[in-house]
Amino acid sequence: MTTLTLELPDTLAEQLRQQQINTKEIQAIVVVTLETWLASLGQNSTTQNRGRFAESGTLFARRLIQQNRELFETLAQR
């Protein structure tokens, strides 16, 4: 496994602390998000010329939640 360090805005880091979301849960969310995003890039290879971020972020987020509903419901209960 490779380590990737992310810098979060202070407001986001504070929200994570307030919600008591531990590092393991954050890592799981980030991994699933990146895997889903990379898979969506592969599915949209015909539109690659438009750029990686040309697709609506709302559509991506909805698809991500739909594909990982159980994970998000578990996190929402904490």
PDB file of N, CA and C in Angstrom:
ATOM      1  N   MET A   1       0.846  -1.167   0.000  1.00  0.00           N
ATOM      2  CA  MET A   1       0.000   0.000   0.000  1.00  0.00           C
ATOM      3  C   MET A   1       0.896   1.235   0.000  1.00  0.00           C
ATOM      4  N   THR A   2       0.465   2.263  -0.702  1.00  0.00           N
ATOM      5  CA  THR A   2       1.197   3.513  -0.788  1.00  0.00           C
ATOM      6  C   THR A   2       0.527   4.562   0.085  1.00  0.00           C
ATOM      7  N   THR A   3       1.331   5.395   0.722  1.00  0.00           N
ATOM      8  CA  THR A   3       0.796   6.455   1.572  1.00  0.00           C
ATOM      9  C   THR A   3       0.636   7.723   0.758  1.00  0.00           C
ATOM     10  N   LEU A   4      -0.512   8.361   0.913  1.00  0.00           N
ATOM     11  CA  LEU A   4      -0.806   9.630   0.264  1.00  0.00           C
ATOM     12  C   LEU A   4      -1.241  10.598   1.356  1.00  0.00           C
ATOM     13  N   THR A   5      -0.596  11.744   1.428  1.00  0.00           N
ATOM     14  CA  THR A   5      -0.937  12.734   2.442  1.00  0.00           C
ATOM     15  C   THR A   5      -1.809  13.807   1.809  1.00  0.00           C
ATOM     16  N   LEU A   6      -2.956  14.071   2.431  1.00  0.00           N
ATOM     17  CA  LEU A   6      -3.876  15.092   1.939  1.00  0.00           C
ATOM     18  C   LEU A   6      -3.940  16.241   2.922  1.00  0.00           C
ATOM     19  N   GLU A   7      -3.965  17.451   2.401  1.00  0.00           N
ATOM     20  CA  GLU A   7      -4.172  18.619   3.244  1.00  0.00           C
ATOM     21  C   GLU A   7      -5.641  18.987   3.149  1.00  0.00           C
ATOM     22  N   LEU A   8      -6.317  19.010   4.289  1.00  0.00           N
ATOM     23  CA  LEU A   8      -7.735  19.337   4.337  1.00  0.00           C
ATOM     24  C   LEU A   8      -7.923  20.771   4.801  1.00  0.00           C
ATOM     25  N   PRO A   9      -8.960  21.425   4.286  1.00  0.00           N
ATOM     26  CA  PRO A   9      -9.283  22.747   4.834  1.00  0.00           C
ATOM     27  C   PRO A   9      -9.589  22.606   6.328  1.00  0.00           C
ATOM     28  N   ASP A  10      -9.241  23.620   7.098  1.00  0.00           N
ATOM     29  CA  ASP A  10      -9.454  23.568   8.546  1.00  0.00           C
ATOM     30  C   ASP A  10     -10.907  23.277   8.901  1.00  0.00           C
ATOM     31  N   THR A  11     -11.834  23.849   8.139  1.00  0.00           N
ATOM     32  CA  THR A  11     -13.255  23.642   8.441  1.00  0.00           C
ATOM     33  C   THR A  11     -13.650  22.179   8.267  1.00  0.00           C
ATOM     34  N   LEU A  12     -13.123  21.531   7.247  1.00  0.00           N
ATOM     35  CA  LEU A  12     -13.432  20.119   7.018  1.00  0.00           C
ATOM     36  C   LEU A  12     -12.809  19.250   8.106  1.00  0.00           C
ATOM     37  N   ALA A  13     -11.572  19.528   8.451  1.00  0.00           N
ATOM     38  CA  ALA A  13     -10.905  18.768   9.512  1.00  0.00           C
ATOM     39  C   ALA A  13     -11.662  18.904  10.832  1.00  0.00           C
ATOM     40  N   GLU A  14     -12.155  20.096  11.114  1.00  0.00           N
ATOM     41  CA  GLU A  14     -12.918  20.318  12.348  1.00  0.00           C
ATOM     42  C   GLU A  14     -14.228  19.531  12.329  1.00  0.00           C
ATOM     43  N   GLN A  15     -14.893  19.489  11.194  1.00  0.00           N
ATOM     44  CA  GLN A  15     -16.137  18.716  11.081  1.00  0.00           C
ATOM     45  C   GLN A  15     -15.878  17.227  11.303  1.00  0.00           C
ATOM     46  N   LEU A  16     -14.783  16.725  10.774  1.00  0.00           N
ATOM     47  CA  LEU A  16     -14.433  15.320  10.977  1.00  0.00           C
ATOM     48  C   LEU A  16     -14.188  15.039  12.456  1.00  0.00           C
ATOM     49  N   ARG A  17     -13.504  15.960  13.142  1.00  0.00           N
ATOM     50  CA  ARG A  17     -13.267  15.807  14.581  1.00  0.00           C
ATOM     51  C   ARG A  17     -14.580  15.852  15.359  1.00  0.00           C
ATOM     52  N   GLN A  18     -15.443  16.810  15.016  1.00  0.00           N
ATOM     53  CA  GLN A  18     -16.724  16.937  15.715  1.00  0.00           C
ATOM     54  C   GLN A  18     -17.591  15.692  15.536  1.00  0.00           C
ATOM     55  N   GLN A  19     -17.558  15.104  14.363  1.00  0.00           N
ATOM     56  CA  GLN A  19     -18.350  13.903  14.084  1.00  0.00           C
ATOM     57  C   GLN A  19     -17.667  12.641  14.599  1.00  0.00           C
ATOM     58  N   GLN A  20     -16.455  12.798  15.117  1.00  0.00           N
ATOM     59  CA  GLN A  20     -15.666  11.684  15.652  1.00  0.00           C
ATOM     60  C   GLN A  20     -15.473  10.569  14.617  1.00  0.00           C
ATOM     61  N   ILE A  21     -15.166  10.976  13.395  1.00  0.00           N
ATOM     62  CA  ILE A  21     -14.897  10.015  12.326  1.00  0.00           C
ATOM     63  C   ILE A  21     -13.413   9.687  12.392  1.00  0.00           C
ATOM     64  N   ASN A  22     -13.112   8.413  12.625  1.00  0.00           N
ATOM     65  CA  ASN A  22     -11.714   8.040  12.825  1.00  0.00           C
ATOM     66  C   ASN A  22     -10.972   7.878  11.497  1.00  0.00           C
ATOM     67  N   THR A  23      -9.674   7.793  11.588  1.00  0.00           N
ATOM     68  CA  THR A  23      -8.804   7.725  10.418  1.00  0.00           C
ATOM     69  C   THR A  23      -9.123   6.535   9.529  1.00  0.00           C
ATOM     70  N   LYS A  24      -9.446   5.412  10.124  1.00  0.00           N
ATOM     71  CA  LYS A  24      -9.761   4.211   9.345  1.00  0.00           C
ATOM     72  C   LYS A  24     -11.002   4.429   8.473  1.00  0.00           C
ATOM     73  N   GLU A  25     -12.013   5.078   9.027  1.00  0.00           N
ATOM     74  CA  GLU A  25     -13.232   5.368   8.264  1.00  0.00           C
ATOM     75  C   GLU A  25     -12.952   6.367   7.144  1.00  0.00           C
ATOM     76  N   ILE A  26     -12.164   7.378   7.444  1.00  0.00           N
ATOM     77  CA  ILE A  26     -11.806   8.368   6.427  1.00  0.00           C
ATOM     78  C   ILE A  26     -11.051   7.695   5.294  1.00  0.00           C
ATOM     79  N   GLN A  27     -10.113   6.827   5.637  1.00  0.00           N
ATOM     80  CA  GLN A  27      -9.347   6.111   4.621  1.00  0.00           C
ATOM     81  C   GLN A  27     -10.279   5.280   3.740  1.00  0.00           C
ATOM     82  N   ALA A  28     -11.241   4.589   4.342  1.00  0.00           N
ATOM     83  CA  ALA A  28     -12.176   3.765   3.569  1.00  0.00           C
ATOM     84  C   ALA A  28     -12.986   4.620   2.600  1.00  0.00           C
ATOM     85  N   ILE A  29     -13.435   5.775   3.065  1.00  0.00           N
ATOM     86  CA  ILE A  29     -14.212   6.670   2.209  1.00  0.00           C
ATOM     87  C   ILE A  29     -13.367   7.178   1.046  1.00  0.00           C
ATOM     88  N   VAL A  30     -12.140   7.588   1.332  1.00  0.00           N
ATOM     89  CA  VAL A  30     -11.257   8.105   0.286  1.00  0.00           C
ATOM     90  C   VAL A  30     -10.947   7.026  -0.747  1.00  0.00           C
ATOM     91  N   VAL A  31     -10.653   5.808  -0.294  1.00  0.00           N
ATOM     92  CA  VAL A  31     -10.334   4.715  -1.218  1.00  0.00           C
ATOM     93  C   VAL A  31     -11.524   4.421  -2.125  1.00  0.00           C
ATOM     94  N   VAL A  32     -12.717   4.307  -1.541  1.00  0.00           N
ATOM     95  CA  VAL A  32     -13.914   4.023  -2.344  1.00  0.00           C
ATOM     96  C   VAL A  32     -14.181   5.159  -3.327  1.00  0.00           C
ATOM     97  N   THR A  33     -14.018   6.393  -2.875  1.00  0.00           N
ATOM     98  CA  THR A  33     -14.240   7.543  -3.749  1.00  0.00           C
ATOM     99  C   THR A  33     -13.282   7.535  -4.930  1.00  0.00           C
ATOM    100  N   LEU A  34     -12.000   7.304  -4.671  1.00  0.00           N
ATOM    101  CA  LEU A  34     -11.014   7.279  -5.750  1.00  0.00           C
ATOM    102  C   LEU A  34     -11.242   6.110  -6.706  1.00  0.00           C
ATOM    103  N   GLU A  35     -11.581   4.937  -6.166  1.00  0.00           N
ATOM    104  CA  GLU A  35     -11.858   3.779  -7.023  1.00  0.00           C
ATOM    105  C   GLU A  35     -13.050   4.048  -7.933  1.00  0.00           C
ATOM    106  N   THR A  36     -14.086   4.640  -7.373  1.00  0.00           N
ATOM    107  CA  THR A  36     -15.279   4.945  -8.162  1.00  0.00           C
ATOM    108  C   THR A  36     -14.976   5.995  -9.219  1.00  0.00           C
ATOM    109  N   TRP A  37     -14.235   7.009  -8.847  1.00  0.00           N
ATOM    110  CA  TRP A  37     -13.884   8.067  -9.796  1.00  0.00           C
ATOM    111  C   TRP A  37     -13.041   7.509 -10.937  1.00  0.00           C
ATOM    112  N   LEU A  38     -12.047   6.682 -10.603  1.00  0.00           N
ATOM    113  CA  LEU A  38     -11.212   6.083 -11.645  1.00  0.00           C
ATOM    114  C   LEU A  38     -12.026   5.173 -12.557  1.00  0.00           C
ATOM    115  N   ALA A  39     -12.957   4.428 -11.994  1.00  0.00           N
ATOM    116  CA  ALA A  39     -13.823   3.575 -12.808  1.00  0.00           C
ATOM    117  C   ALA A  39     -14.673   4.425 -13.745  1.00  0.00           C
ATOM    118  N   SER A  40     -15.145   5.564 -13.252  1.00  0.00           N
ATOM    119  CA  SER A  40     -15.962   6.432 -14.104  1.00  0.00           C
ATOM    120  C   SER A  40     -15.132   7.026 -15.238  1.00  0.00           C
ATOM    121  N   LEU A  41     -13.855   7.252 -14.998  1.00  0.00           N
ATOM    122  CA  LEU A  41     -12.985   7.742 -16.071  1.00  0.00           C
ATOM    123  C   LEU A  41     -12.855   6.700 -17.167  1.00  0.00           C
ATOM    124  N   GLY A  42     -12.739   5.441 -16.777  1.00  0.00           N
ATOM    125  CA  GLY A  42     -12.647   4.358 -17.751  1.00  0.00           C
ATOM    126  C   GLY A  42     -13.911   4.225 -18.564  1.00  0.00           C
ATOM    127  N   GLN A  43     -15.072   4.425 -17.939  1.00  0.00           N
ATOM    128  CA  GLN A  43     -16.350   4.330 -18.638  1.00  0.00           C
ATOM    129  C   GLN A  43     -16.553   5.496 -19.585  1.00  0.00           C
ATOM    130  N   ASN A  44     -15.947   6.610 -19.280  1.00  0.00           N
ATOM    131  CA  ASN A  44     -16.122   7.811 -20.093  1.00  0.00           C
ATOM    132  C   ASN A  44     -14.919   8.079 -20.984  1.00  0.00           C
ATOM    133  N   SER A  45     -14.194   7.047 -21.367  1.00  0.00           N
ATOM    134  CA  SER A  45     -12.970   7.259 -22.141  1.00  0.00           C
ATOM    135  C   SER A  45     -13.242   7.914 -23.487  1.00  0.00           C
ATOM    136  N   THR A  46     -14.445   7.760 -24.022  1.00  0.00           N
ATOM    137  CA  THR A  46     -14.763   8.395 -25.300  1.00  0.00           C
ATOM    138  C   THR A  46     -14.902   9.902 -25.157  1.00  0.00           C
ATOM    139  N   THR A  47     -15.153  10.380 -23.953  1.00  0.00           N
ATOM    140  CA  THR A  47     -15.273  11.818 -23.728  1.00  0.00           C
ATOM    141  C   THR A  47     -14.023  12.383 -23.061  1.00  0.00           C
ATOM    142  N   GLN A  48     -12.948  11.637 -23.096  1.00  0.00           N
ATOM    143  CA  GLN A  48     -11.700  12.030 -22.426  1.00  0.00           C
ATOM    144  C   GLN A  48     -11.200  13.393 -22.897  1.00  0.00           C
ATOM    145  N   ASN A  49     -11.461  13.756 -24.145  1.00  0.00           N
ATOM    146  CA  ASN A  49     -10.969  15.028 -24.667  1.00  0.00           C
ATOM    147  C   ASN A  49     -11.600  16.224 -23.957  1.00  0.00           C
ATOM    148  N   ARG A  50     -12.725  16.024 -23.309  1.00  0.00           N
ATOM    149  CA  ARG A  50     -13.380  17.107 -22.588  1.00  0.00           C
ATOM    150  C   ARG A  50     -12.688  17.397 -21.267  1.00  0.00           C
ATOM    151  N   GLY A  51     -11.833  16.515 -20.810  1.00  0.00           N
ATOM    152  CA  GLY A  51     -11.144  16.715 -19.543  1.00  0.00           C
ATOM    153  C   GLY A  51     -11.749  15.872 -18.444  1.00  0.00           C
ATOM    154  N   ARG A  52     -10.951  15.574 -17.441  1.00  0.00           N
ATOM    155  CA  ARG A  52     -11.367  14.685 -16.357  1.00  0.00           C
ATOM    156  C   ARG A  52     -12.511  15.238 -15.531  1.00  0.00           C
ATOM    157  N   PHE A  53     -12.603  16.547 -15.420  1.00  0.00           N
ATOM    158  CA  PHE A  53     -13.593  17.140 -14.533  1.00  0.00           C
ATOM    159  C   PHE A  53     -14.757  17.764 -15.298  1.00  0.00           C
ATOM    160  N   ALA A  54     -14.899  17.401 -16.578  1.00  0.00           N
ATOM    161  CA  ALA A  54     -15.977  17.960 -17.387  1.00  0.00           C
ATOM    162  C   ALA A  54     -17.345  17.459 -16.944  1.00  0.00           C
ATOM    163  N   GLU A  55     -17.414  16.250 -16.402  1.00  0.00           N
ATOM    164  CA  GLU A  55     -18.683  15.694 -15.941  1.00  0.00           C
ATOM    165  C   GLU A  55     -19.137  16.414 -14.679  1.00  0.00           C
ATOM    166  N   SER A  56     -20.422  16.542 -14.538  1.00  0.00           N
ATOM    167  CA  SER A  56     -20.988  17.202 -13.365  1.00  0.00           C
ATOM    168  C   SER A  56     -20.550  16.508 -12.082  1.00  0.00           C
ATOM    169  N   GLY A  57     -20.075  17.272 -11.131  1.00  0.00           N
ATOM    170  CA  GLY A  57     -19.701  16.714  -9.836  1.00  0.00           C
ATOM    171  C   GLY A  57     -20.907  16.161  -9.095  1.00  0.00           C
ATOM    172  N   THR A  58     -22.073  16.754  -9.347  1.00  0.00           N
ATOM    173  CA  THR A  58     -23.298  16.273  -8.708  1.00  0.00           C
ATOM    174  C   THR A  58     -23.626  14.869  -9.177  1.00  0.00           C
ATOM    175  N   LEU A  59     -23.527  14.632 -10.475  1.00  0.00           N
ATOM    176  CA  LEU A  59     -23.795  13.296 -11.013  1.00  0.00           C
ATOM    177  C   LEU A  59     -22.819  12.276 -10.444  1.00  0.00           C
ATOM    178  N   PHE A  60     -21.549  12.647 -10.355  1.00  0.00           N
ATOM    179  CA  PHE A  60     -20.542  11.743  -9.803  1.00  0.00           C
ATOM    180  C   PHE A  60     -20.859  11.425  -8.346  1.00  0.00           C
ATOM    181  N   ALA A  61     -21.183  12.441  -7.562  1.00  0.00           N
ATOM    182  CA  ALA A  61     -21.479  12.226  -6.139  1.00  0.00           C
ATOM    183  C   ALA A  61     -22.710  11.341  -5.954  1.00  0.00           C
ATOM    184  N   ARG A  62     -23.748  11.570  -6.753  1.00  0.00           N
ATOM    185  CA  ARG A  62     -24.951  10.729  -6.654  1.00  0.00           C
ATOM    186  C   ARG A  62     -24.640   9.280  -6.980  1.00  0.00           C
ATOM    187  N   ARG A  63     -23.847   9.063  -8.030  1.00  0.00           N
ATOM    188  CA  ARG A  63     -23.474   7.703  -8.418  1.00  0.00           C
ATOM    189  C   ARG A  63     -22.622   7.056  -7.329  1.00  0.00           C
ATOM    190  N   LEU A  64     -21.724   7.814  -6.745  1.00  0.00           N
ATOM    191  CA  LEU A  64     -20.871   7.310  -5.669  1.00  0.00           C
ATOM    192  C   LEU A  64     -21.714   6.872  -4.474  1.00  0.00           C
ATOM    193  N   ILE A  65     -22.654   7.702  -4.078  1.00  0.00           N
ATOM    194  CA  ILE A  65     -23.515   7.363  -2.940  1.00  0.00           C
ATOM    195  C   ILE A  65     -24.371   6.153  -3.261  1.00  0.00           C
ATOM    196  N   GLN A  66     -24.915   6.111  -4.459  1.00  0.00           N
ATOM    197  CA  GLN A  66     -25.749   4.978  -4.859  1.00  0.00           C
ATOM    198  C   GLN A  66     -24.964   3.669  -4.805  1.00  0.00           C
ATOM    199  N   GLN A  67     -23.739   3.692  -5.279  1.00  0.00           N
ATOM    200  CA  GLN A  67     -22.929   2.481  -5.332  1.00  0.00           C
ATOM    201  C   GLN A  67     -22.399   2.080  -3.958  1.00  0.00           C
ATOM    202  N   ASN A  68     -22.408   3.001  -3.003  1.00  0.00           N
ATOM    203  CA  ASN A  68     -21.847   2.730  -1.678  1.00  0.00           C
ATOM    204  C   ASN A  68     -22.812   3.120  -0.568  1.00  0.00           C
ATOM    205  N   ARG A  69     -24.085   2.959  -0.827  1.00  0.00           N
ATOM    206  CA  ARG A  69     -25.121   3.391   0.109  1.00  0.00           C
ATOM    207  C   ARG A  69     -24.938   2.811   1.509  1.00  0.00           C
ATOM    208  N   GLU A  70     -24.605   1.531   1.595  1.00  0.00           N
ATOM    209  CA  GLU A  70     -24.454   0.887   2.907  1.00  0.00           C
ATOM    210  C   GLU A  70     -23.357   1.564   3.732  1.00  0.00           C
ATOM    211  N   LEU A  71     -22.224   1.866   3.107  1.00  0.00           N
ATOM    212  CA  LEU A  71     -21.126   2.535   3.801  1.00  0.00           C
ATOM    213  C   LEU A  71     -21.570   3.903   4.316  1.00  0.00           C
ATOM    214  N   PHE A  72     -22.225   4.686   3.461  1.00  0.00           N
ATOM    215  CA  PHE A  72     -22.642   6.026   3.859  1.00  0.00           C
ATOM    216  C   PHE A  72     -23.718   5.989   4.938  1.00  0.00           C
ATOM    217  N   GLU A  73     -24.629   5.010   4.875  1.00  0.00           N
ATOM    218  CA  GLU A  73     -25.651   4.886   5.917  1.00  0.00           C
ATOM    219  C   GLU A  73     -25.017   4.530   7.261  1.00  0.00           C
ATOM    220  N   THR A  74     -24.012   3.660   7.231  1.00  0.00           N
ATOM    221  CA  THR A  74     -23.308   3.298   8.465  1.00  0.00           C
ATOM    222  C   THR A  74     -22.606   4.517   9.056  1.00  0.00           C
ATOM    223  N   LEU A  75     -21.940   5.298   8.213  1.00  0.00           N
ATOM    224  CA  LEU A  75     -21.235   6.491   8.693  1.00  0.00           C
ATOM    225  C   LEU A  75     -22.215   7.542   9.205  1.00  0.00           C
ATOM    226  N   ALA A  76     -23.382   7.647   8.575  1.00  0.00           N
ATOM    227  CA  ALA A  76     -24.370   8.644   8.992  1.00  0.00           C
ATOM    228  C   ALA A  76     -24.934   8.338  10.376  1.00  0.00           C
ATOM    229  N   GLN A  77     -24.902   7.083  10.781  1.00  0.00           N
ATOM    230  CA  GLN A  77     -25.438   6.691  12.084  1.00  0.00           C
ATOM    231  C   GLN A  77     -24.473   6.995  13.223  1.00  0.00           C
ATOM    232  N   ARG A  78     -23.255   7.337  12.929  1.00  0.00           N
ATOM    233  CA  ARG A  78     -22.250   7.603  13.968  1.00  0.00           C
ATOM    234  C   ARG A  78     -22.370   8.995  14.517  1.00  0.00           C
TER     235      ARG A  78
END
